[in-house]
Amino acid sequence: MQRSSDLETSAGSTGKSDVLVTVQRIKGDLKIELKSTLKNLYSESQKLIIKDTVNKLKEDHLLISVEDNQALDFVLKARLKAAVSALQRTEESS
């Protein structure tokens, strides 16, 4: 995996019932790195949520790092949207 820039943006926190999402533009297809307290139970569901959200945002070529601490699905979606939006704004201004 080759990064296309050093820009990365984050949204959320590692607090209880929250999730920290960090995104960075890469060369190549979408890559998801998932750390979760309930990874064995929900990792596939979380990956589907991430892929669906990224598709709706018409984005690809992203490295998405997720540190989940039992966040609900809508929190994951909101944090991901916020991180991607921040990345887009940062890229537009540079």
Protein backbone atom coordinates (compact mmCIF):
# COMPACT_ATOMS: atom_id res chain seq x y z
CA MET A 1 0.00 0.00 0.00
CA GLN A 2 1.39 3.35 -1.02
CA ARG A 3 0.08 6.53 0.48
CA SER A 4 -0.73 9.28 -1.98
CA SER A 5 -0.25 12.00 0.64
CA ASP A 6 0.64 12.47 4.27
CA LEU A 7 -2.73 14.06 4.99
CA GLU A 8 -4.89 12.22 7.46
CA THR A 9 -7.95 13.30 9.36
CA SER A 10 -9.76 11.85 12.34
CA ALA A 11 -13.14 12.05 14.03
CA GLY A 12 -14.35 10.64 17.32
CA SER A 13 -12.52 9.37 20.37
CA THR A 14 -11.48 6.16 22.08
CA GLY A 15 -13.89 6.76 24.95
CA LYS A 16 -16.55 4.26 26.02
CA SER A 17 -19.32 3.80 23.43
CA ASP A 18 -17.39 5.85 20.87
CA VAL A 19 -15.14 5.17 17.92
CA LEU A 20 -12.04 6.91 16.56
CA VAL A 21 -11.96 6.92 12.76
CA THR A 22 -8.84 8.04 10.89
CA VAL A 23 -8.77 8.32 7.10
CA GLN A 24 -5.94 8.83 4.67
CA ARG A 25 -5.80 8.87 0.87
CA ILE A 26 -3.86 5.93 -0.62
CA LYS A 27 -3.02 4.61 -4.06
CA GLY A 28 -5.02 1.46 -4.57
CA ASP A 29 -8.30 0.12 -3.31
CA LEU A 30 -10.06 0.77 -0.03
CA LYS A 31 -8.25 -0.69 3.00
CA ILE A 32 -9.86 -1.06 6.41
CA GLU A 33 -7.91 -1.56 9.64
CA LEU A 34 -10.23 -2.43 12.50
CA LYS A 35 -9.44 -2.58 16.22
CA SER A 36 -12.46 -3.37 18.36
CA THR A 37 -13.24 -4.64 21.82
CA LEU A 38 -15.88 -6.84 20.17
CA LYS A 39 -14.02 -7.63 16.95
CA ASN A 40 -14.96 -11.31 16.91
CA LEU A 41 -18.66 -10.50 17.10
CA TYR A 42 -19.04 -7.43 14.92
CA SER A 43 -16.06 -6.98 12.59
CA GLU A 44 -17.86 -8.16 9.45
CA SER A 45 -20.88 -5.98 10.21
CA GLN A 46 -18.66 -2.98 10.87
CA LYS A 47 -16.73 -3.53 7.63
CA LEU A 48 -20.01 -3.65 5.68
CA ILE A 49 -21.13 -0.40 7.32
CA ILE A 50 -17.81 1.24 6.44
CA LYS A 51 -17.89 0.03 2.82
CA ASP A 52 -21.53 1.10 2.37
CA THR A 53 -20.85 4.54 3.83
CA VAL A 54 -17.75 5.06 1.68
CA ASN A 55 -19.69 4.01 -1.43
CA LYS A 56 -22.47 6.49 -0.62
CA LEU A 57 -19.83 9.21 -0.26
CA LYS A 58 -18.46 8.19 -3.69
CA GLU A 59 -15.00 7.73 -2.24
CA ASP A 60 -12.34 5.09 -2.71
CA HIS A 61 -8.57 4.95 -2.43
CA LEU A 62 -8.75 5.37 1.33
CA LEU A 63 -7.03 3.79 4.28
CA ILE A 64 -9.58 3.76 7.08
CA SER A 65 -8.36 2.97 10.58
CA VAL A 66 -11.05 2.32 13.16
CA GLU A 67 -10.56 2.02 16.93
CA ASP A 68 -13.96 0.94 18.22
CA ASN A 69 -15.01 0.87 21.86
CA GLN A 70 -18.55 -0.52 21.51
CA ALA A 71 -19.96 2.36 19.46
CA LEU A 72 -23.39 1.96 17.91
CA ASP A 73 -23.68 1.74 14.12
CA PHE A 74 -24.95 5.29 13.68
CA VAL A 75 -21.95 6.61 15.64
CA LEU A 76 -19.55 4.72 13.36
CA LYS A 77 -21.28 6.14 10.26
CA ALA A 78 -21.24 9.69 11.64
CA ARG A 79 -17.57 9.54 12.63
CA LEU A 80 -16.62 8.10 9.24
CA LYS A 81 -18.57 10.79 7.36
CA ALA A 82 -16.95 13.50 9.49
CA ALA A 83 -13.43 12.17 8.93
CA VAL A 84 -13.91 11.83 5.15
CA SER A 85 -15.46 15.30 4.94
CA ALA A 86 -12.52 16.77 6.85
CA LEU A 87 -10.08 15.02 4.50
CA GLN A 88 -11.90 16.40 1.45
CA ARG A 89 -11.86 19.95 2.87
CA THR A 90 -8.17 19.66 3.73
CA GLU A 91 -7.33 18.43 0.22
CA GLU A 92 -9.34 21.24 -1.38
CA SER A 93 -7.52 23.89 0.64
CA SER A 94 -4.02 22.56 -0.09
